[in-house]
Amino acid sequence: HLNGLSIVCMQGRFHPYEGYSQALCSMPIKIFKLLGCKL
């Protein structure tokens, strides 16, 4: 919780220059959607 909001914080992200595809770099956002995130 942060300032009364229930949140998930991604402490570190992924980049294509690490060898990941663009789709894989954005995949966690789909997970956040299914976890209930609206913003």
Full PDB file with SEQRES, HELIX, SHEET, SSBOND, CRYST1, ORIGX, SCALE, CONECT and MASTER records, all heavy atoms in Angstrom:
SEQRES   1 A   39  HIS LEU ASN GLY LEU SER ILE VAL CYS MET GLN GLY ARG          
SEQRES   2 A   39  PHE HIS PRO TYR GLU GLY TYR SER GLN ALA LEU CYS SER          
SEQRES   3 A   39  MET PRO ILE LYS ILE PHE LYS LEU LEU GLY CYS LYS LEU          
HELIX    1 AA1 PRO A   16  GLU A   18  5                                   3    
HELIX    2 AA2 GLN A   22  LEU A   35  1                                  14    
CRYST1    1.000    1.000    1.000  90.00  90.00  90.00 P 1           1          
ORIGX1      1.000000  0.000000  0.000000        0.00000                         
ORIGX2      0.000000  1.000000  0.000000        0.00000                         
ORIGX3      0.000000  0.000000  1.000000        0.00000                         
SCALE1      1.000000  0.000000  0.000000        0.00000                         
SCALE2      0.000000  1.000000  0.000000        0.00000                         
SCALE3      0.000000  0.000000  1.000000        0.00000                         
ATOM      1  N   HIS A   1       0.837  -1.200   0.000  1.00  0.00           N  
ATOM      2  CA  HIS A   1       0.000   0.000   0.000  1.00  0.00           C  
ATOM      3  C   HIS A   1       0.875   1.255   0.000  1.00  0.00           C  
ATOM      4  O   HIS A   1       1.925   1.295   0.648  1.00  0.00           O  
ATOM      5  CB  HIS A   1      -0.917   0.011   1.214  1.00  0.00           C  
ATOM      6  CG  HIS A   1      -1.898  -1.120   1.236  1.00  0.00           C  
ATOM      7  ND1 HIS A   1      -1.607  -2.331   1.835  1.00  0.00           N  
ATOM      8  CD2 HIS A   1      -3.147  -1.240   0.713  1.00  0.00           C  
ATOM      9  CE1 HIS A   1      -2.642  -3.152   1.685  1.00  0.00           C  
ATOM     10  NE2 HIS A   1      -3.587  -2.515   1.018  1.00  0.00           N  
ATOM     11  N   LEU A   2       0.422   2.244  -0.736  1.00  0.00           N  
ATOM     12  CA  LEU A   2       1.121   3.523  -0.808  1.00  0.00           C  
ATOM     13  C   LEU A   2       0.071   4.626  -0.842  1.00  0.00           C  
ATOM     14  O   LEU A   2      -0.759   4.684  -1.755  1.00  0.00           O  
ATOM     15  CB  LEU A   2       2.000   3.572  -2.059  1.00  0.00           C  
ATOM     16  CG  LEU A   2       2.941   4.770  -2.196  1.00  0.00           C  
ATOM     17  CD1 LEU A   2       3.960   4.790  -1.063  1.00  0.00           C  
ATOM     18  CD2 LEU A   2       3.671   4.724  -3.542  1.00  0.00           C  
ATOM     19  N   ASN A   3       0.088   5.469   0.196  1.00  0.00           N  
ATOM     20  CA  ASN A   3      -0.902   6.548   0.300  1.00  0.00           C  
ATOM     21  C   ASN A   3      -2.337   6.040   0.179  1.00  0.00           C  
ATOM     22  O   ASN A   3      -3.184   6.665  -0.473  1.00  0.00           O  
ATOM     23  CB  ASN A   3      -0.638   7.619  -0.758  1.00  0.00           C  
ATOM     24  CG  ASN A   3       0.621   8.415  -0.457  1.00  0.00           C  
ATOM     25  OD1 ASN A   3       1.100   8.433   0.668  1.00  0.00           O  
ATOM     26  ND2 ASN A   3       1.157   9.053  -1.472  1.00  0.00           N  
ATOM     27  N   GLY A   4      -2.591   4.887   0.775  1.00  0.00           N  
ATOM     28  CA  GLY A   4      -3.945   4.345   0.785  1.00  0.00           C  
ATOM     29  C   GLY A   4      -4.327   3.535  -0.434  1.00  0.00           C  
ATOM     30  O   GLY A   4      -5.431   2.984  -0.481  1.00  0.00           O  
ATOM     31  N   LEU A   5      -3.442   3.452  -1.414  1.00  0.00           N  
ATOM     32  CA  LEU A   5      -3.720   2.680  -2.621  1.00  0.00           C  
ATOM     33  C   LEU A   5      -3.052   1.311  -2.566  1.00  0.00           C  
ATOM     34  O   LEU A   5      -1.921   1.178  -2.081  1.00  0.00           O  
ATOM     35  CB  LEU A   5      -3.224   3.421  -3.868  1.00  0.00           C  
ATOM     36  CG  LEU A   5      -4.073   4.559  -4.423  1.00  0.00           C  
ATOM     37  CD1 LEU A   5      -3.357   5.208  -5.603  1.00  0.00           C  
ATOM     38  CD2 LEU A   5      -5.435   4.058  -4.865  1.00  0.00           C  
ATOM     39  N   SER A   6      -3.756   0.318  -3.076  1.00  0.00           N  
ATOM     40  CA  SER A   6      -3.155  -1.006  -3.227  1.00  0.00           C  
ATOM     41  C   SER A   6      -2.381  -1.011  -4.538  1.00  0.00           C  
ATOM     42  O   SER A   6      -2.948  -0.744  -5.597  1.00  0.00           O  
ATOM     43  CB  SER A   6      -4.234  -2.092  -3.263  1.00  0.00           C  
ATOM     44  OG  SER A   6      -4.956  -2.122  -2.055  1.00  0.00           O  
ATOM     45  N   ILE A   7      -1.081  -1.324  -4.466  1.00  0.00           N  
ATOM     46  CA  ILE A   7      -0.262  -1.201  -5.668  1.00  0.00           C  
ATOM     47  C   ILE A   7       0.654  -2.410  -5.839  1.00  0.00           C  
ATOM     48  O   ILE A   7       0.898  -3.180  -4.909  1.00  0.00           O  
ATOM     49  CB  ILE A   7       0.599   0.080  -5.653  1.00  0.00           C  
ATOM     50  CG1 ILE A   7       1.763  -0.063  -4.659  1.00  0.00           C  
ATOM     51  CG2 ILE A   7      -0.214   1.300  -5.311  1.00  0.00           C  
ATOM     52  CD1 ILE A   7       2.799   1.029  -4.830  1.00  0.00           C  
ATOM     53  N   VAL A   8       1.119  -2.560  -7.067  1.00  0.00           N  
ATOM     54  CA  VAL A   8       2.214  -3.473  -7.372  1.00  0.00           C  
ATOM     55  C   VAL A   8       3.297  -2.638  -8.032  1.00  0.00           C  
ATOM     56  O   VAL A   8       3.030  -1.824  -8.908  1.00  0.00           O  
ATOM     57  CB  VAL A   8       1.774  -4.635  -8.291  1.00  0.00           C  
ATOM     58  CG1 VAL A   8       1.087  -4.133  -9.551  1.00  0.00           C  
ATOM     59  CG2 VAL A   8       2.986  -5.498  -8.658  1.00  0.00           C  
ATOM     60  N   CYS A   9       4.507  -2.830  -7.583  1.00  0.00           N  
ATOM     61  CA  CYS A   9       5.637  -2.073  -8.104  1.00  0.00           C  
ATOM     62  C   CYS A   9       6.598  -3.037  -8.781  1.00  0.00           C  
ATOM     63  O   CYS A   9       7.014  -4.038  -8.191  1.00  0.00           O  
ATOM     64  CB  CYS A   9       6.327  -1.334  -6.964  1.00  0.00           C  
ATOM     65  SG  CYS A   9       7.558  -0.152  -7.494  1.00  0.00           S  
ATOM     66  N   MET A  10       6.919  -2.763 -10.025  1.00  0.00           N  
ATOM     67  CA  MET A  10       7.868  -3.574 -10.774  1.00  0.00           C  
ATOM     68  C   MET A  10       9.251  -2.966 -10.571  1.00  0.00           C  
ATOM     69  O   MET A  10       9.597  -1.947 -11.169  1.00  0.00           O  
ATOM     70  CB  MET A  10       7.479  -3.587 -12.257  1.00  0.00           C  
ATOM     71  CG  MET A  10       8.172  -4.642 -13.071  1.00  0.00           C  
ATOM     72  SD  MET A  10       7.451  -4.714 -14.733  1.00  0.00           S  
ATOM     73  CE  MET A  10       8.539  -5.936 -15.467  1.00  0.00           C  
ATOM     74  N   GLN A  11      10.035  -3.604  -9.707  1.00  0.00           N  
ATOM     75  CA  GLN A  11      11.339  -3.071  -9.314  1.00  0.00           C  
ATOM     76  C   GLN A  11      12.404  -3.566 -10.303  1.00  0.00           C  
ATOM     77  O   GLN A  11      13.123  -4.516 -10.059  1.00  0.00           O  
ATOM     78  CB  GLN A  11      11.662  -3.519  -7.887  1.00  0.00           C  
ATOM     79  CG  GLN A  11      12.701  -2.668  -7.179  1.00  0.00           C  
ATOM     80  CD  GLN A  11      12.850  -3.076  -5.732  1.00  0.00           C  
ATOM     81  OE1 GLN A  11      12.664  -4.233  -5.365  1.00  0.00           O  
ATOM     82  NE2 GLN A  11      13.197  -2.134  -4.880  1.00  0.00           N  
ATOM     83  N   GLY A  12      12.468  -2.858 -11.403  1.00  0.00           N  
ATOM     84  CA  GLY A  12      13.342  -3.289 -12.492  1.00  0.00           C  
ATOM     85  C   GLY A  12      12.509  -3.812 -13.648  1.00  0.00           C  
ATOM     86  O   GLY A  12      11.538  -4.532 -13.442  1.00  0.00           O  
ATOM     87  N   ARG A  13      12.884  -3.430 -14.868  1.00  0.00           N  
ATOM     88  CA  ARG A  13      12.111  -3.858 -16.023  1.00  0.00           C  
ATOM     89  C   ARG A  13      13.032  -4.489 -17.058  1.00  0.00           C  
ATOM     90  O   ARG A  13      14.209  -4.681 -16.814  1.00  0.00           O  
ATOM     91  CB  ARG A  13      11.323  -2.676 -16.616  1.00  0.00           C  
ATOM     92  CG  ARG A  13      12.174  -1.497 -17.061  1.00  0.00           C  
ATOM     93  CD  ARG A  13      11.297  -0.307 -17.409  1.00  0.00           C  
ATOM     94  NE  ARG A  13      12.068   0.823 -17.897  1.00  0.00           N  
ATOM     95  CZ  ARG A  13      12.394   1.024 -19.156  1.00  0.00           C  
ATOM     96  NH1 ARG A  13      12.028   0.142 -20.075  1.00  0.00           N  
ATOM     97  NH2 ARG A  13      13.094   2.077 -19.530  1.00  0.00           N  
ATOM     98  N   PHE A  14      12.454  -4.788 -18.227  1.00  0.00           N  
ATOM     99  CA  PHE A  14      13.186  -5.504 -19.269  1.00  0.00           C  
ATOM    100  C   PHE A  14      13.362  -4.614 -20.495  1.00  0.00           C  
ATOM    101  O   PHE A  14      12.551  -3.717 -20.749  1.00  0.00           O  
ATOM    102  CB  PHE A  14      12.436  -6.777 -19.666  1.00  0.00           C  
ATOM    103  CG  PHE A  14      11.883  -7.527 -18.492  1.00  0.00           C  
ATOM    104  CD1 PHE A  14      10.519  -7.716 -18.339  1.00  0.00           C  
ATOM    105  CD2 PHE A  14      12.724  -8.020 -17.515  1.00  0.00           C  
ATOM    106  CE1 PHE A  14      10.006  -8.381 -17.252  1.00  0.00           C  
ATOM    107  CE2 PHE A  14      12.222  -8.687 -16.417  1.00  0.00           C  
ATOM    108  CZ  PHE A  14      10.860  -8.881 -16.275  1.00  0.00           C  
ATOM    109  N   HIS A  15      14.401  -4.875 -21.259  1.00  0.00           N  
ATOM    110  CA  HIS A  15      14.716  -4.070 -22.430  1.00  0.00           C  
ATOM    111  C   HIS A  15      15.065  -4.984 -23.609  1.00  0.00           C  
ATOM    112  O   HIS A  15      15.672  -6.043 -23.418  1.00  0.00           O  
ATOM    113  CB  HIS A  15      15.920  -3.161 -22.154  1.00  0.00           C  
ATOM    114  CG  HIS A  15      15.834  -2.396 -20.873  1.00  0.00           C  
ATOM    115  ND1 HIS A  15      16.106  -2.981 -19.643  1.00  0.00           N  
ATOM    116  CD2 HIS A  15      15.519  -1.096 -20.619  1.00  0.00           C  
ATOM    117  CE1 HIS A  15      15.962  -2.065 -18.690  1.00  0.00           C  
ATOM    118  NE2 HIS A  15      15.612  -0.929 -19.255  1.00  0.00           N  
ATOM    119  N   PRO A  16      14.714  -4.563 -24.816  1.00  0.00           N  
ATOM    120  CA  PRO A  16      15.101  -5.358 -25.988  1.00  0.00           C  
ATOM    121  C   PRO A  16      16.608  -5.567 -26.098  1.00  0.00           C  
ATOM    122  O   PRO A  16      17.055  -6.604 -26.595  1.00  0.00           O  
ATOM    123  CB  PRO A  16      14.563  -4.513 -27.159  1.00  0.00           C  
ATOM    124  CG  PRO A  16      13.390  -3.779 -26.588  1.00  0.00           C  
ATOM    125  CD  PRO A  16      13.804  -3.448 -25.186  1.00  0.00           C  
ATOM    126  N   TYR A  17      17.406  -4.593 -25.625  1.00  0.00           N  
ATOM    127  CA  TYR A  17      18.855  -4.770 -25.743  1.00  0.00           C  
ATOM    128  C   TYR A  17      19.393  -5.875 -24.833  1.00  0.00           C  
ATOM    129  O   TYR A  17      20.547  -6.291 -24.957  1.00  0.00           O  
ATOM    130  CB  TYR A  17      19.606  -3.452 -25.500  1.00  0.00           C  
ATOM    131  CG  TYR A  17      19.503  -2.865 -24.108  1.00  0.00           C  
ATOM    132  CD1 TYR A  17      20.184  -3.409 -23.029  1.00  0.00           C  
ATOM    133  CD2 TYR A  17      18.736  -1.723 -23.881  1.00  0.00           C  
ATOM    134  CE1 TYR A  17      20.107  -2.848 -21.765  1.00  0.00           C  
ATOM    135  CE2 TYR A  17      18.647  -1.151 -22.629  1.00  0.00           C  
ATOM    136  CZ  TYR A  17      19.341  -1.717 -21.575  1.00  0.00           C  
ATOM    137  OH  TYR A  17      19.256  -1.150 -20.324  1.00  0.00           O  
ATOM    138  N   GLU A  18      18.550  -6.354 -23.907  1.00  0.00           N  
ATOM    139  CA  GLU A  18      18.948  -7.512 -23.102  1.00  0.00           C  
ATOM    140  C   GLU A  18      18.733  -8.819 -23.857  1.00  0.00           C  
ATOM    141  O   GLU A  18      19.126  -9.888 -23.372  1.00  0.00           O  
ATOM    142  CB  GLU A  18      18.145  -7.541 -21.802  1.00  0.00           C  
ATOM    143  CG  GLU A  18      18.410  -6.372 -20.872  1.00  0.00           C  
ATOM    144  CD  GLU A  18      17.529  -6.419 -19.635  1.00  0.00           C  
ATOM    145  OE1 GLU A  18      17.852  -7.206 -18.723  1.00  0.00           O  
ATOM    146  OE2 GLU A  18      16.514  -5.690 -19.596  1.00  0.00           O  
ATOM    147  N   GLY A  19      18.091  -8.737 -25.010  1.00  0.00           N  
ATOM    148  CA  GLY A  19      17.834  -9.934 -25.801  1.00  0.00           C  
ATOM    149  C   GLY A  19      16.379 -10.350 -25.823  1.00  0.00           C  
ATOM    150  O   GLY A  19      16.031 -11.368 -26.432  1.00  0.00           O  
ATOM    151  N   TYR A  20      15.522  -9.559 -25.189  1.00  0.00           N  
ATOM    152  CA  TYR A  20      14.098  -9.888 -25.133  1.00  0.00           C  
ATOM    153  C   TYR A  20      13.348  -9.244 -26.293  1.00  0.00           C  
ATOM    154  O   TYR A  20      13.694  -8.145 -26.732  1.00  0.00           O  
ATOM    155  CB  TYR A  20      13.490  -9.408 -23.815  1.00  0.00           C  
ATOM    156  CG  TYR A  20      14.064 -10.067 -22.587  1.00  0.00           C  
ATOM    157  CD1 TYR A  20      14.558  -9.301 -21.531  1.00  0.00           C  
ATOM    158  CD2 TYR A  20      14.109 -11.447 -22.465  1.00  0.00           C  
ATOM    159  CE1 TYR A  20      15.082  -9.898 -20.392  1.00  0.00           C  
ATOM    160  CE2 TYR A  20      14.633 -12.053 -21.329  1.00  0.00           C  
ATOM    161  CZ  TYR A  20      15.121 -11.278 -20.301  1.00  0.00           C  
ATOM    162  OH  TYR A  20      15.634 -11.870 -19.188  1.00  0.00           O  
ATOM    163  N   SER A  21      12.312  -9.909 -26.757  1.00  0.00           N  
ATOM    164  CA  SER A  21      11.461  -9.321 -27.789  1.00  0.00           C  
ATOM    165  C   SER A  21      10.646  -8.183 -27.188  1.00  0.00           C  
ATOM    166  O   SER A  21      10.472  -8.079 -25.973  1.00  0.00           O  
ATOM    167  CB  SER A  21      10.526 -10.383 -28.379  1.00  0.00           C  
ATOM    168  OG  SER A  21       9.583 -10.812 -27.401  1.00  0.00           O  
ATOM    169  N   GLN A  22      10.146  -7.304 -28.065  1.00  0.00           N  
ATOM    170  CA  GLN A  22       9.290  -6.207 -27.599  1.00  0.00           C  
ATOM    171  C   GLN A  22       8.067  -6.758 -26.871  1.00  0.00           C  
ATOM    172  O   GLN A  22       7.628  -6.216 -25.856  1.00  0.00           O  
ATOM    173  CB  GLN A  22       8.834  -5.373 -28.803  1.00  0.00           C  
ATOM    174  CG  GLN A  22       9.951  -4.734 -29.600  1.00  0.00           C  
ATOM    175  CD  GLN A  22      10.228  -3.305 -29.177  1.00  0.00           C  
ATOM    176  OE1 GLN A  22       9.510  -2.736 -28.357  1.00  0.00           O  
ATOM    177  NE2 GLN A  22      11.271  -2.729 -29.730  1.00  0.00           N  
ATOM    178  N   ALA A  23       7.511  -7.838 -27.399  1.00  0.00           N  
ATOM    179  CA  ALA A  23       6.316  -8.430 -26.799  1.00  0.00           C  
ATOM    180  C   ALA A  23       6.604  -8.953 -25.392  1.00  0.00           C  
ATOM    181  O   ALA A  23       5.770  -8.841 -24.492  1.00  0.00           O  
ATOM    182  CB  ALA A  23       5.780  -9.552 -27.683  1.00  0.00           C  
ATOM    183  N   LEU A  24       7.796  -9.514 -25.199  1.00  0.00           N  
ATOM    184  CA  LEU A  24       8.134 -10.043 -23.876  1.00  0.00           C  
ATOM    185  C   LEU A  24       8.375  -8.910 -22.881  1.00  0.00           C  
ATOM    186  O   LEU A  24       8.043  -9.023 -21.701  1.00  0.00           O  
ATOM    187  CB  LEU A  24       9.362 -10.948 -23.966  1.00  0.00           C  
ATOM    188  CG  LEU A  24       9.652 -11.828 -22.751  1.00  0.00           C  
ATOM    189  CD1 LEU A  24       8.457 -12.721 -22.428  1.00  0.00           C  
ATOM    190  CD2 LEU A  24      10.887 -12.673 -22.979  1.00  0.00           C  
ATOM    191  N   CYS A  25       8.950  -7.804 -23.365  1.00  0.00           N  
ATOM    192  CA  CYS A  25       9.189  -6.658 -22.483  1.00  0.00           C  
ATOM    193  C   CYS A  25       7.879  -6.072 -21.957  1.00  0.00           C  
ATOM    194  O   CYS A  25       7.832  -5.536 -20.850  1.00  0.00           O  
ATOM    195  CB  CYS A  25       9.974  -5.578 -23.229  1.00  0.00           C  
ATOM    196  SG  CYS A  25      11.690  -6.020 -23.591  1.00  0.00           S  
ATOM    197  N   SER A  26       6.816  -6.155 -22.751  1.00  0.00           N  
ATOM    198  CA  SER A  26       5.532  -5.590 -22.340  1.00  0.00           C  
ATOM    199  C   SER A  26       4.602  -6.621 -21.709  1.00  0.00           C  
ATOM    200  O   SER A  26       3.531  -6.264 -21.202  1.00  0.00           O  
ATOM    201  CB  SER A  26       4.829  -4.952 -23.542  1.00  0.00           C  
ATOM    202  OG  SER A  26       4.561  -5.919 -24.537  1.00  0.00           O  
ATOM    203  N   MET A  27       5.002  -7.878 -21.709  1.00  0.00           N  
ATOM    204  CA  MET A  27       4.148  -8.949 -21.190  1.00  0.00           C  
ATOM    205  C   MET A  27       3.681  -8.731 -19.746  1.00  0.00           C  
ATOM    206  O   MET A  27       2.527  -9.014 -19.411  1.00  0.00           O  
ATOM    207  CB  MET A  27       4.870 -10.293 -21.337  1.00  0.00           C  
ATOM    208  CG  MET A  27       4.083 -11.501 -20.862  1.00  0.00           C  
ATOM    209  SD  MET A  27       4.358 -11.877 -19.100  1.00  0.00           S  
ATOM    210  CE  MET A  27       6.060 -12.453 -19.122  1.00  0.00           C  
ATOM    211  N   PRO A  28       4.534  -8.204 -18.836  1.00  0.00           N  
ATOM    212  CA  PRO A  28       4.063  -8.003 -17.454  1.00  0.00           C  
ATOM    213  C   PRO A  28       2.831  -7.116 -17.342  1.00  0.00           C  
ATOM    214  O   PRO A  28       2.042  -7.265 -16.408  1.00  0.00           O  
ATOM    215  CB  PRO A  28       5.275  -7.353 -16.771  1.00  0.00           C  
ATOM    216  CG  PRO A  28       6.450  -7.875 -17.535  1.00  0.00           C  
ATOM    217  CD  PRO A  28       5.985  -7.929 -18.959  1.00  0.00           C  
ATOM    218  N   ILE A  29       2.633  -6.189 -18.296  1.00  0.00           N  
ATOM    219  CA  ILE A  29       1.472  -5.314 -18.231  1.00  0.00           C  
ATOM    220  C   ILE A  29       0.188  -6.121 -18.385  1.00  0.00           C  
ATOM    221  O   ILE A  29      -0.841  -5.813 -17.763  1.00  0.00           O  
ATOM    222  CB  ILE A  29       1.576  -4.212 -19.298  1.00  0.00           C  
ATOM    223  CG1 ILE A  29       2.778  -3.324 -18.987  1.00  0.00           C  
ATOM    224  CG2 ILE A  29       0.300  -3.372 -19.361  1.00  0.00           C  
ATOM    225  CD1 ILE A  29       3.023  -2.220 -19.990  1.00  0.00           C  
ATOM    226  N   LYS A  30       0.230  -7.171 -19.187  1.00  0.00           N  
ATOM    227  CA  LYS A  30      -0.936  -8.048 -19.320  1.00  0.00           C  
ATOM    228  C   LYS A  30      -1.211  -8.760 -17.998  1.00  0.00           C  
ATOM    229  O   LYS A  30      -2.367  -8.959 -17.618  1.00  0.00           O  
ATOM    230  CB  LYS A  30      -0.697  -9.065 -20.436  1.00  0.00           C  
ATOM    231  CG  LYS A  30      -0.571  -8.450 -21.820  1.00  0.00           C  
ATOM    232  CD  LYS A  30      -0.304  -9.517 -22.870  1.00  0.00           C  
ATOM    233  CE  LYS A  30      -0.196  -8.912 -24.263  1.00  0.00           C  
ATOM    234  NZ  LYS A  30       0.106  -9.941 -25.291  1.00  0.00           N  
ATOM    235  N   ILE A  31      -0.149  -9.134 -17.318  1.00  0.00           N  
ATOM    236  CA  ILE A  31      -0.316  -9.774 -16.009  1.00  0.00           C  
ATOM    237  C   ILE A  31      -0.960  -8.799 -15.028  1.00  0.00           C  
ATOM    238  O   ILE A  31      -1.882  -9.161 -14.279  1.00  0.00           O  
ATOM    239  CB  ILE A  31       1.045 -10.269 -15.477  1.00  0.00           C  
ATOM    240  CG1 ILE A  31       1.578 -11.398 -16.354  1.00  0.00           C  
ATOM    241  CG2 ILE A  31       0.917 -10.740 -14.024  1.00  0.00           C  
ATOM    242  CD1 ILE A  31       2.946 -11.903 -15.945  1.00  0.00           C  
ATOM    243  N   PHE A  32      -0.489  -7.549 -15.030  1.00  0.00           N  
ATOM    244  CA  PHE A  32      -1.065  -6.544 -14.134  1.00  0.00           C  
ATOM    245  C   PHE A  32      -2.558  -6.355 -14.401  1.00  0.00           C  
ATOM    246  O   PHE A  32      -3.342  -6.171 -13.471  1.00  0.00           O  
ATOM    247  CB  PHE A  32      -0.336  -5.204 -14.289  1.00  0.00           C  
ATOM    248  CG  PHE A  32       1.116  -5.255 -13.895  1.00  0.00           C  
ATOM    249  CD1 PHE A  32       2.031  -4.371 -14.443  1.00  0.00           C  
ATOM    250  CD2 PHE A  32       1.581  -6.193 -12.989  1.00  0.00           C  
ATOM    251  CE1 PHE A  32       3.359  -4.403 -14.079  1.00  0.00           C  
ATOM    252  CE2 PHE A  32       2.920  -6.247 -12.617  1.00  0.00           C  
ATOM    253  CZ  PHE A  32       3.810  -5.340 -13.166  1.00  0.00           C  
ATOM    254  N   LYS A  33      -2.927  -6.398 -15.667  1.00  0.00           N  
ATOM    255  CA  LYS A  33      -4.349  -6.256 -16.025  1.00  0.00           C  
ATOM    256  C   LYS A  33      -5.166  -7.371 -15.381  1.00  0.00           C  
ATOM    257  O   LYS A  33      -6.230  -7.117 -14.798  1.00  0.00           O  
ATOM    258  CB  LYS A  33      -4.514  -6.289 -17.544  1.00  0.00           C  
ATOM    259  CG  LYS A  33      -5.974  -6.327 -18.013  1.00  0.00           C  
ATOM    260  CD  LYS A  33      -6.065  -6.411 -19.528  1.00  0.00           C  
ATOM    261  CE  LYS A  33      -7.500  -6.639 -19.996  1.00  0.00           C  
ATOM    262  NZ  LYS A  33      -8.382  -5.506 -19.697  1.00  0.00           N  
ATOM    263  N   LEU A  34      -4.675  -8.598 -15.470  1.00  0.00           N  
ATOM    264  CA  LEU A  34      -5.422  -9.730 -14.918  1.00  0.00           C  
ATOM    265  C   LEU A  34      -5.370  -9.749 -13.389  1.00  0.00           C  
ATOM    266  O   LEU A  34      -6.240 -10.357 -12.757  1.00  0.00           O  
ATOM    267  CB  LEU A  34      -4.882 -11.044 -15.482  1.00  0.00           C  
ATOM    268  CG  LEU A  34      -5.058 -11.243 -16.990  1.00  0.00           C  
ATOM    269  CD1 LEU A  34      -4.716 -12.671 -17.402  1.00  0.00           C  
ATOM    270  CD2 LEU A  34      -6.474 -10.904 -17.444  1.00  0.00           C  
ATOM    271  N   LEU A  35      -4.389  -9.088 -12.806  1.00  0.00           N  
ATOM    272  CA  LEU A  35      -4.337  -8.976 -11.343  1.00  0.00           C  
ATOM    273  C   LEU A  35      -5.318  -7.935 -10.824  1.00  0.00           C  
ATOM    274  O   LEU A  35      -5.595  -7.892  -9.624  1.00  0.00           O  
ATOM    275  CB  LEU A  35      -2.914  -8.619 -10.889  1.00  0.00           C  
ATOM    276  CG  LEU A  35      -1.862  -9.735 -10.972  1.00  0.00           C  
ATOM    277  CD1 LEU A  35      -0.490  -9.185 -10.603  1.00  0.00           C  
ATOM    278  CD2 LEU A  35      -2.219 -10.907 -10.084  1.00  0.00           C  
ATOM    279  N   GLY A  36      -5.826  -7.071 -11.730  1.00  0.00           N  
ATOM    280  CA  GLY A  36      -6.835  -6.096 -11.330  1.00  0.00           C  
ATOM    281  C   GLY A  36      -6.449  -4.640 -11.491  1.00  0.00           C  
ATOM    282  O   GLY A  36      -7.243  -3.750 -11.162  1.00  0.00           O  
ATOM    283  N   CYS A  37      -5.237  -4.362 -11.991  1.00  0.00           N  
ATOM    284  CA  CYS A  37      -4.784  -2.977 -12.113  1.00  0.00           C  
ATOM    285  C   CYS A  37      -5.614  -2.208 -13.137  1.00  0.00           C  
ATOM    286  O   CYS A  37      -5.888  -2.700 -14.228  1.00  0.00           O  
ATOM    287  CB  CYS A  37      -3.310  -2.931 -12.509  1.00  0.00           C  
ATOM    288  SG  CYS A  37      -2.196  -3.558 -11.239  1.00  0.00           S  
ATOM    289  N   LYS A  38      -5.968  -0.990 -12.771  1.00  0.00           N  
ATOM    290  CA  LYS A  38      -6.731  -0.117 -13.660  1.00  0.00           C  
ATOM    291  C   LYS A  38      -5.862   1.000 -14.238  1.00  0.00           C  
ATOM    292  O   LYS A  38      -6.167   1.559 -15.289  1.00  0.00           O  
ATOM    293  CB  LYS A  38      -7.903   0.510 -12.898  1.00  0.00           C  
ATOM    294  CG  LYS A  38      -8.866  -0.492 -12.281  1.00  0.00           C  
ATOM    295  CD  LYS A  38      -9.561  -1.330 -13.345  1.00  0.00           C  
ATOM    296  CE  LYS A  38     -10.684  -2.173 -12.734  1.00  0.00           C  
ATOM    297  NZ  LYS A  38     -10.200  -3.136 -11.722  1.00  0.00           N  
ATOM    298  N   LEU A  39      -4.791   1.333 -13.533  1.00  0.00           N  
ATOM    299  CA  LEU A  39      -3.889   2.395 -13.966  1.00  0.00           C  
ATOM    300  C   LEU A  39      -2.449   1.910 -13.873  1.00  0.00           C  
ATOM    301  O   LEU A  39      -2.134   1.020 -13.081  1.00  0.00           O  
ATOM    302  CB  LEU A  39      -4.049   3.648 -13.091  1.00  0.00           C  
ATOM    303  CG  LEU A  39      -5.394   4.374 -13.121  1.00  0.00           C  
ATOM    304  CD1 LEU A  39      -5.410   5.457 -12.053  1.00  0.00           C  
ATOM    305  CD2 LEU A  39      -5.655   4.972 -14.490  1.00  0.00           C  
TER     306      LEU A  39                                                      
MASTER        0    0    0    2    0    0    0    6  305    1    0    3          
END                                                                             
